[in-house]
N, C-alpha and C. Protein backbone atom coordinates (compact mmCIF):
# COMPACT_ATOMS: atom_id res chain seq x y z
N MET A 1 5.34 49.50 -3.65
CA MET A 1 5.92 48.54 -4.22
C MET A 1 5.79 47.32 -3.35
N GLU A 2 5.55 46.15 -4.00
CA GLU A 2 5.24 44.89 -3.44
C GLU A 2 6.48 44.06 -3.58
N THR A 3 6.84 43.43 -2.46
CA THR A 3 7.96 42.46 -2.46
C THR A 3 7.51 41.08 -2.14
N ARG A 4 8.06 40.18 -2.86
CA ARG A 4 7.72 38.83 -2.47
C ARG A 4 8.80 38.07 -1.73
N THR A 5 8.44 37.18 -0.89
CA THR A 5 9.25 36.50 -0.13
C THR A 5 9.68 35.30 -1.00
N PRO A 6 10.93 35.05 -1.08
CA PRO A 6 11.44 33.76 -1.88
C PRO A 6 10.85 32.58 -1.64
N SER A 7 10.35 32.43 -0.25
CA SER A 7 9.75 31.14 -0.04
C SER A 7 8.33 30.98 -0.34
N GLY A 8 7.58 31.97 -0.79
CA GLY A 8 6.18 31.89 -1.23
C GLY A 8 5.88 30.94 -2.19
N PRO A 9 6.39 31.16 -3.43
CA PRO A 9 6.24 30.26 -4.49
C PRO A 9 6.89 28.73 -4.30
N THR A 10 8.06 28.76 -3.56
CA THR A 10 8.73 27.48 -3.39
C THR A 10 7.89 26.57 -2.41
N LEU A 11 7.32 27.29 -1.31
CA LEU A 11 6.41 26.60 -0.56
C LEU A 11 5.28 25.85 -1.18
N GLY A 12 4.60 26.56 -2.14
CA GLY A 12 3.38 26.20 -2.83
C GLY A 12 3.89 24.97 -3.80
N ARG A 13 5.04 25.15 -4.49
CA ARG A 13 5.49 24.03 -5.34
C ARG A 13 5.77 22.75 -4.46
N ARG A 14 6.47 23.08 -3.34
CA ARG A 14 6.84 21.84 -2.45
C ARG A 14 5.58 21.11 -1.87
N ALA A 15 4.52 22.02 -1.51
CA ALA A 15 3.37 21.37 -0.98
C ALA A 15 2.58 20.61 -2.17
N ARG A 16 2.54 21.10 -3.36
CA ARG A 16 1.99 20.43 -4.57
C ARG A 16 2.70 19.26 -4.87
N ARG A 17 3.98 19.31 -4.75
CA ARG A 17 4.90 18.03 -5.01
C ARG A 17 4.68 17.02 -3.88
N ILE A 18 4.52 17.39 -2.71
CA ILE A 18 4.25 16.37 -1.69
C ILE A 18 2.93 15.84 -1.63
N GLY A 19 1.83 16.75 -2.12
CA GLY A 19 0.60 16.25 -2.29
C GLY A 19 0.37 15.16 -3.39
N LEU A 20 1.05 15.32 -4.54
CA LEU A 20 1.14 14.62 -5.66
C LEU A 20 1.81 13.24 -5.37
N ILE A 21 2.90 13.26 -4.65
CA ILE A 21 3.51 12.10 -4.31
C ILE A 21 2.56 11.34 -3.36
N ALA A 22 2.04 11.89 -2.32
CA ALA A 22 1.10 11.14 -1.39
C ALA A 22 -0.06 10.64 -2.27
N ALA A 23 -0.66 11.39 -3.19
CA ALA A 23 -1.73 10.82 -4.00
C ALA A 23 -1.25 9.71 -4.89
N GLY A 24 -0.10 9.85 -5.46
CA GLY A 24 0.42 8.69 -6.32
C GLY A 24 0.66 7.40 -5.48
N SER A 25 1.20 7.55 -4.08
CA SER A 25 1.26 6.47 -3.31
C SER A 25 -0.03 5.82 -2.92
N LEU A 26 -1.06 6.64 -2.63
CA LEU A 26 -2.48 6.07 -2.38
C LEU A 26 -2.87 5.39 -3.59
N PHE A 27 -2.77 5.90 -4.81
CA PHE A 27 -3.20 5.16 -5.92
C PHE A 27 -2.49 3.91 -6.13
N LEU A 28 -1.25 3.98 -5.90
CA LEU A 28 -0.30 2.71 -5.95
C LEU A 28 -0.93 1.64 -4.98
N ALA A 29 -1.18 2.04 -3.74
CA ALA A 29 -1.76 1.14 -2.79
C ALA A 29 -3.01 0.56 -3.23
N LEU A 30 -3.91 1.37 -3.74
CA LEU A 30 -5.14 0.86 -4.24
C LEU A 30 -5.05 0.05 -5.30
N GLY A 31 -3.97 0.30 -6.31
CA GLY A 31 -3.71 -0.58 -7.46
C GLY A 31 -3.39 -1.92 -6.93
N MET A 32 -2.38 -2.06 -5.85
CA MET A 32 -1.96 -3.31 -5.28
C MET A 32 -3.20 -4.03 -4.75
N VAL A 33 -3.99 -3.35 -3.92
CA VAL A 33 -5.11 -4.15 -3.32
C VAL A 33 -6.13 -4.65 -4.54
N GLY A 34 -6.20 -3.90 -5.62
CA GLY A 34 -6.93 -4.17 -6.75
C GLY A 34 -6.49 -5.58 -7.46
N VAL A 35 -5.23 -5.93 -7.16
CA VAL A 35 -4.76 -7.14 -7.71
C VAL A 35 -5.43 -8.41 -6.85
N LEU A 36 -5.68 -8.08 -5.64
CA LEU A 36 -6.24 -9.21 -4.85
C LEU A 36 -7.82 -9.13 -4.74
N ILE A 37 -8.43 -7.96 -4.89
CA ILE A 37 -9.90 -7.84 -4.80
C ILE A 37 -10.46 -7.70 -6.30
N PRO A 38 -11.32 -8.62 -6.78
CA PRO A 38 -11.56 -8.60 -8.15
C PRO A 38 -12.43 -7.37 -8.68
N VAL A 39 -13.17 -6.80 -7.76
CA VAL A 39 -14.00 -5.67 -8.30
C VAL A 39 -13.24 -4.24 -8.30
N LEU A 40 -12.30 -4.21 -7.65
CA LEU A 40 -11.46 -3.05 -7.51
C LEU A 40 -10.40 -3.04 -8.58
N PRO A 41 -10.37 -2.06 -9.71
CA PRO A 41 -9.60 -2.18 -10.78
C PRO A 41 -8.15 -1.88 -10.44
N THR A 42 -7.09 -2.52 -11.07
CA THR A 42 -5.78 -2.21 -10.95
C THR A 42 -5.22 -1.19 -11.73
N THR A 43 -5.38 -1.25 -13.07
CA THR A 43 -4.85 -0.39 -14.04
C THR A 43 -5.10 0.97 -13.88
N PRO A 44 -6.34 1.38 -13.67
CA PRO A 44 -6.63 2.87 -13.52
C PRO A 44 -5.90 3.43 -12.37
N PHE A 45 -5.81 2.86 -11.26
CA PHE A 45 -5.08 3.26 -10.13
C PHE A 45 -3.59 3.27 -10.51
N LEU A 46 -2.96 2.46 -11.11
CA LEU A 46 -1.48 2.51 -11.35
C LEU A 46 -1.40 3.54 -12.41
N LEU A 47 -2.14 3.82 -13.33
CA LEU A 47 -2.15 4.94 -14.35
C LEU A 47 -2.24 6.30 -13.61
N LEU A 48 -3.09 6.41 -12.60
CA LEU A 48 -3.17 7.56 -11.69
C LEU A 48 -1.92 7.89 -11.04
N ALA A 49 -1.34 6.72 -10.47
CA ALA A 49 -0.10 6.78 -9.68
C ALA A 49 1.05 7.39 -10.69
N ALA A 50 0.98 6.75 -11.84
CA ALA A 50 2.00 7.29 -12.95
C ALA A 50 1.80 8.72 -13.14
N ILE A 51 0.70 9.17 -13.38
CA ILE A 51 0.39 10.56 -13.59
C ILE A 51 1.02 11.44 -12.52
N CYS A 52 0.57 11.09 -11.09
CA CYS A 52 0.98 11.83 -10.08
C CYS A 52 2.49 11.80 -9.85
N TYR A 53 3.13 10.65 -10.10
CA TYR A 53 4.53 10.60 -9.85
C TYR A 53 5.28 11.32 -11.13
N GLY A 54 4.59 11.22 -12.18
CA GLY A 54 5.27 11.99 -13.37
C GLY A 54 5.27 13.46 -13.28
N ARG A 55 4.28 13.97 -12.46
CA ARG A 55 4.26 15.40 -12.32
C ARG A 55 4.93 15.90 -10.96
N SER A 56 5.53 14.94 -10.24
CA SER A 56 6.03 15.39 -8.97
C SER A 56 7.39 14.82 -8.72
N SER A 57 7.71 13.61 -9.18
CA SER A 57 8.99 12.94 -8.82
C SER A 57 9.36 11.97 -9.89
N GLU A 58 10.47 12.34 -10.54
CA GLU A 58 11.04 11.60 -11.54
C GLU A 58 11.55 10.24 -11.18
N ARG A 59 12.08 10.38 -9.91
CA ARG A 59 12.60 9.08 -9.31
C ARG A 59 11.40 8.09 -9.03
N SER A 60 10.30 8.49 -8.46
CA SER A 60 9.24 7.66 -8.17
C SER A 60 8.61 7.11 -9.48
N TYR A 61 8.41 8.00 -10.50
CA TYR A 61 7.85 7.56 -11.87
C TYR A 61 8.74 6.59 -12.45
N ARG A 62 10.11 6.82 -12.43
CA ARG A 62 11.03 5.81 -13.07
C ARG A 62 10.91 4.51 -12.31
N TRP A 63 10.81 4.54 -10.95
CA TRP A 63 10.63 3.28 -10.24
C TRP A 63 9.41 2.57 -10.70
N LEU A 64 8.27 3.33 -10.77
CA LEU A 64 7.05 2.65 -11.11
C LEU A 64 7.00 1.95 -12.47
N VAL A 65 7.47 2.71 -13.47
CA VAL A 65 7.30 2.29 -14.82
C VAL A 65 8.61 1.25 -15.17
N THR A 66 9.52 0.95 -14.22
CA THR A 66 10.63 -0.08 -14.37
C THR A 66 10.37 -1.02 -13.34
N ASN A 67 9.45 -1.11 -12.55
CA ASN A 67 9.23 -2.17 -11.55
C ASN A 67 9.02 -3.53 -12.32
N ARG A 68 9.77 -4.42 -11.71
CA ARG A 68 9.87 -5.75 -12.33
C ARG A 68 8.41 -6.40 -12.49
N LEU A 69 7.50 -6.14 -11.67
CA LEU A 69 6.27 -6.86 -11.66
C LEU A 69 5.25 -6.31 -12.81
N PHE A 70 5.19 -5.09 -12.81
CA PHE A 70 4.12 -4.53 -13.55
C PHE A 70 4.73 -3.21 -14.55
N GLY A 71 5.94 -2.94 -14.32
CA GLY A 71 6.51 -1.71 -15.04
C GLY A 71 6.38 -1.79 -16.49
N ARG A 72 6.81 -2.75 -16.95
CA ARG A 72 6.92 -2.86 -18.56
C ARG A 72 5.61 -2.81 -19.11
N TYR A 73 4.47 -3.36 -18.53
CA TYR A 73 3.29 -3.39 -19.15
C TYR A 73 2.67 -1.98 -18.96
N LEU A 74 2.81 -1.41 -17.64
CA LEU A 74 2.44 -0.03 -17.42
C LEU A 74 2.98 1.01 -18.45
N ASP A 75 4.29 0.88 -18.72
CA ASP A 75 4.96 1.75 -19.58
C ASP A 75 4.45 1.59 -21.11
N ASP A 76 4.24 0.33 -21.40
CA ASP A 76 3.76 -0.03 -22.83
C ASP A 76 2.40 0.63 -22.88
N TYR A 77 1.54 0.55 -21.87
CA TYR A 77 0.21 1.16 -21.89
C TYR A 77 0.27 2.66 -21.85
N LEU A 78 1.01 3.22 -21.19
CA LEU A 78 1.24 4.70 -21.19
C LEU A 78 1.70 5.29 -22.51
N HIS A 79 2.56 4.50 -23.11
CA HIS A 79 3.14 5.14 -24.23
C HIS A 79 2.46 4.50 -25.66
N GLY A 80 1.28 3.93 -25.54
CA GLY A 80 0.44 3.38 -26.57
C GLY A 80 0.99 2.33 -27.49
N ARG A 81 1.97 1.56 -26.80
CA ARG A 81 2.46 0.45 -27.51
C ARG A 81 1.64 -0.81 -27.46
N GLY A 82 0.74 -0.90 -26.83
CA GLY A 82 -0.25 -1.97 -26.74
C GLY A 82 0.17 -3.04 -25.77
N ILE A 83 -0.62 -4.18 -25.66
CA ILE A 83 -0.33 -5.18 -24.83
C ILE A 83 -0.49 -6.45 -25.68
N SER A 84 0.46 -7.35 -25.38
CA SER A 84 0.62 -8.53 -26.15
C SER A 84 -0.52 -9.69 -25.71
N TRP A 85 -0.64 -10.58 -26.59
CA TRP A 85 -1.69 -11.62 -26.14
C TRP A 85 -1.15 -12.44 -25.05
N ARG A 86 0.20 -12.52 -24.89
CA ARG A 86 0.72 -13.34 -23.76
C ARG A 86 0.33 -12.75 -22.47
N VAL A 87 -0.02 -11.48 -22.53
CA VAL A 87 -0.45 -10.73 -21.18
C VAL A 87 -2.06 -10.76 -21.29
N LYS A 88 -2.60 -10.36 -22.38
CA LYS A 88 -4.16 -10.22 -22.31
C LYS A 88 -4.84 -11.68 -21.98
N VAL A 89 -4.43 -12.77 -22.46
CA VAL A 89 -5.06 -14.00 -22.25
C VAL A 89 -5.08 -14.36 -20.74
N PRO A 90 -3.82 -14.32 -20.05
CA PRO A 90 -3.85 -14.68 -18.65
C PRO A 90 -4.64 -13.63 -17.90
N ALA A 91 -4.59 -12.37 -18.22
CA ALA A 91 -5.40 -11.36 -17.59
C ALA A 91 -6.86 -11.64 -17.63
N LEU A 92 -7.31 -12.03 -18.72
CA LEU A 92 -8.82 -12.34 -18.90
C LEU A 92 -9.11 -13.52 -18.13
N ILE A 93 -8.22 -14.65 -18.22
CA ILE A 93 -8.55 -15.89 -17.49
C ILE A 93 -8.62 -15.57 -16.02
N LEU A 94 -7.68 -14.80 -15.60
CA LEU A 94 -7.61 -14.54 -14.11
C LEU A 94 -8.90 -13.62 -13.69
N LEU A 95 -9.15 -12.54 -14.44
CA LEU A 95 -10.37 -11.77 -14.23
C LEU A 95 -11.64 -12.63 -14.19
N TRP A 96 -11.83 -13.31 -15.05
CA TRP A 96 -13.01 -14.13 -15.24
C TRP A 96 -13.19 -15.38 -14.09
N GLY A 97 -12.03 -15.92 -13.85
CA GLY A 97 -11.89 -16.97 -12.71
C GLY A 97 -12.22 -16.37 -11.39
N VAL A 98 -11.49 -15.32 -11.10
CA VAL A 98 -11.77 -14.50 -9.65
C VAL A 98 -13.15 -14.03 -9.60
N ILE A 99 -13.62 -13.52 -10.65
CA ILE A 99 -15.12 -12.81 -10.54
C ILE A 99 -16.04 -13.95 -10.38
N THR A 100 -15.88 -14.98 -11.14
CA THR A 100 -16.88 -16.15 -11.10
C THR A 100 -16.79 -16.82 -9.68
N LEU A 101 -15.61 -17.18 -9.26
CA LEU A 101 -15.34 -17.85 -7.84
C LEU A 101 -15.96 -16.95 -6.85
N SER A 102 -15.66 -15.54 -6.85
CA SER A 102 -16.08 -14.65 -5.88
C SER A 102 -17.64 -14.64 -5.79
N ALA A 103 -18.23 -14.53 -7.07
CA ALA A 103 -19.73 -14.36 -7.22
C ALA A 103 -20.43 -15.70 -6.58
N ILE A 104 -19.81 -16.89 -6.97
CA ILE A 104 -20.41 -18.04 -6.50
C ILE A 104 -20.21 -18.30 -4.94
N LEU A 105 -19.10 -18.16 -4.48
CA LEU A 105 -18.62 -18.56 -3.19
C LEU A 105 -19.00 -17.40 -2.09
N PHE A 106 -18.92 -16.19 -2.51
CA PHE A 106 -18.97 -15.03 -1.47
C PHE A 106 -20.05 -14.13 -1.70
N VAL A 107 -20.84 -14.07 -2.70
CA VAL A 107 -21.94 -13.06 -2.90
C VAL A 107 -23.16 -13.68 -3.08
N PRO A 108 -24.04 -13.55 -2.10
CA PRO A 108 -25.43 -14.15 -2.21
C PRO A 108 -26.42 -13.33 -3.14
N GLN A 109 -26.29 -12.03 -3.11
CA GLN A 109 -27.30 -11.17 -3.75
C GLN A 109 -26.99 -11.18 -5.36
N TRP A 110 -27.94 -11.41 -5.97
CA TRP A 110 -28.00 -11.49 -7.36
C TRP A 110 -27.57 -10.22 -8.04
N TRP A 111 -28.05 -9.01 -7.54
CA TRP A 111 -27.58 -7.71 -8.16
C TRP A 111 -26.21 -7.40 -8.00
N VAL A 112 -25.59 -7.80 -6.94
CA VAL A 112 -24.13 -7.70 -6.61
C VAL A 112 -23.43 -8.61 -7.70
N ARG A 113 -23.80 -9.78 -7.90
CA ARG A 113 -23.33 -10.64 -8.86
C ARG A 113 -23.29 -9.89 -10.27
N ALA A 114 -24.58 -9.31 -10.63
CA ALA A 114 -24.63 -8.69 -11.96
C ALA A 114 -23.66 -7.46 -12.00
N VAL A 115 -23.47 -6.81 -10.95
CA VAL A 115 -22.58 -5.69 -11.09
C VAL A 115 -21.21 -6.34 -11.35
N MET A 116 -20.81 -7.28 -10.58
CA MET A 116 -19.52 -7.86 -10.72
C MET A 116 -19.20 -8.37 -12.12
N PHE A 117 -20.24 -9.02 -12.73
CA PHE A 117 -20.06 -9.56 -14.10
C PHE A 117 -20.19 -8.33 -15.13
N ALA A 118 -20.87 -7.31 -14.91
CA ALA A 118 -20.92 -6.13 -15.75
C ALA A 118 -19.48 -5.49 -15.74
N VAL A 119 -18.91 -5.37 -14.58
CA VAL A 119 -17.58 -4.91 -14.55
C VAL A 119 -16.61 -5.75 -15.36
N ALA A 120 -16.68 -7.13 -15.09
CA ALA A 120 -15.86 -8.09 -15.93
C ALA A 120 -16.02 -7.85 -17.36
N VAL A 121 -17.24 -7.64 -17.83
CA VAL A 121 -17.46 -7.56 -19.30
C VAL A 121 -16.88 -6.14 -19.63
N GLY A 122 -17.00 -5.06 -18.94
CA GLY A 122 -16.40 -3.80 -19.30
C GLY A 122 -14.97 -4.01 -19.43
N VAL A 123 -14.32 -4.53 -18.40
CA VAL A 123 -12.73 -4.68 -18.50
C VAL A 123 -12.35 -5.69 -19.64
N THR A 124 -13.07 -6.72 -19.83
CA THR A 124 -12.79 -7.54 -20.97
C THR A 124 -12.87 -6.80 -22.36
N VAL A 125 -13.89 -5.97 -22.55
CA VAL A 125 -13.96 -5.07 -23.84
C VAL A 125 -12.89 -4.19 -23.89
N HIS A 126 -12.56 -3.59 -22.82
CA HIS A 126 -11.34 -2.59 -22.88
C HIS A 126 -10.08 -3.37 -23.12
N ILE A 127 -9.83 -4.45 -22.52
CA ILE A 127 -8.57 -5.17 -22.75
C ILE A 127 -8.55 -5.79 -24.26
N LEU A 128 -9.69 -6.18 -24.69
CA LEU A 128 -9.74 -6.71 -26.07
C LEU A 128 -9.37 -5.46 -27.09
N MET A 129 -9.93 -4.25 -26.78
CA MET A 129 -9.75 -3.06 -27.66
C MET A 129 -8.30 -2.47 -27.66
N LEU A 130 -7.63 -2.89 -26.71
CA LEU A 130 -6.16 -2.38 -26.65
C LEU A 130 -5.41 -2.82 -27.82
N LYS A 131 -4.54 -1.96 -28.32
CA LYS A 131 -3.80 -2.21 -29.52
C LYS A 131 -2.92 -3.54 -29.11
N GLY A 132 -2.84 -4.54 -29.97
CA GLY A 132 -1.98 -5.57 -29.74
C GLY A 132 -0.55 -5.30 -30.11
N ARG A 133 0.33 -5.94 -29.50
CA ARG A 133 1.78 -5.79 -29.55
C ARG A 133 2.50 -7.16 -29.75
N SER A 134 3.52 -7.11 -30.63
CA SER A 134 4.15 -8.28 -30.77
C SER A 134 5.05 -8.74 -29.42
N ASP A 135 5.10 -9.91 -29.19
CA ASP A 135 5.81 -10.43 -28.01
C ASP A 135 7.38 -10.01 -28.03
N ARG A 136 7.92 -9.92 -29.26
CA ARG A 136 9.35 -9.68 -29.42
C ARG A 136 9.65 -8.23 -28.89
N ARG A 137 10.67 -8.11 -28.33
CA ARG A 137 11.22 -6.78 -27.86
C ARG A 137 12.58 -6.48 -28.26
């Protein structure tokens, strides 16, 4: 007869939860750095953070999707409600402005510039393909 200790499964769940919270926090930090560094994407890291938090901590997930800076847009994206043009246009202007300035001022290698612009094109296509949403809520 095999007996299980009550702490066995509990420790595993607790370790998984802590690992997911740590991963979510790392992805959140990378997303925040991505706001400042043009080649590092922000949205995928915030989405990964939301997934990790959603599977481990309802409190952290709720904080993330209700955050005053990006929570509403993240929540709309996660639930397929789309992104309004009031968000898309400034995002694209900021994307292209930062990529262009960075490429001209800081990157002497042509191939690095090409990669930066290829990333910008990819992000632009992705943003333009997202479902539009009315600005009214």
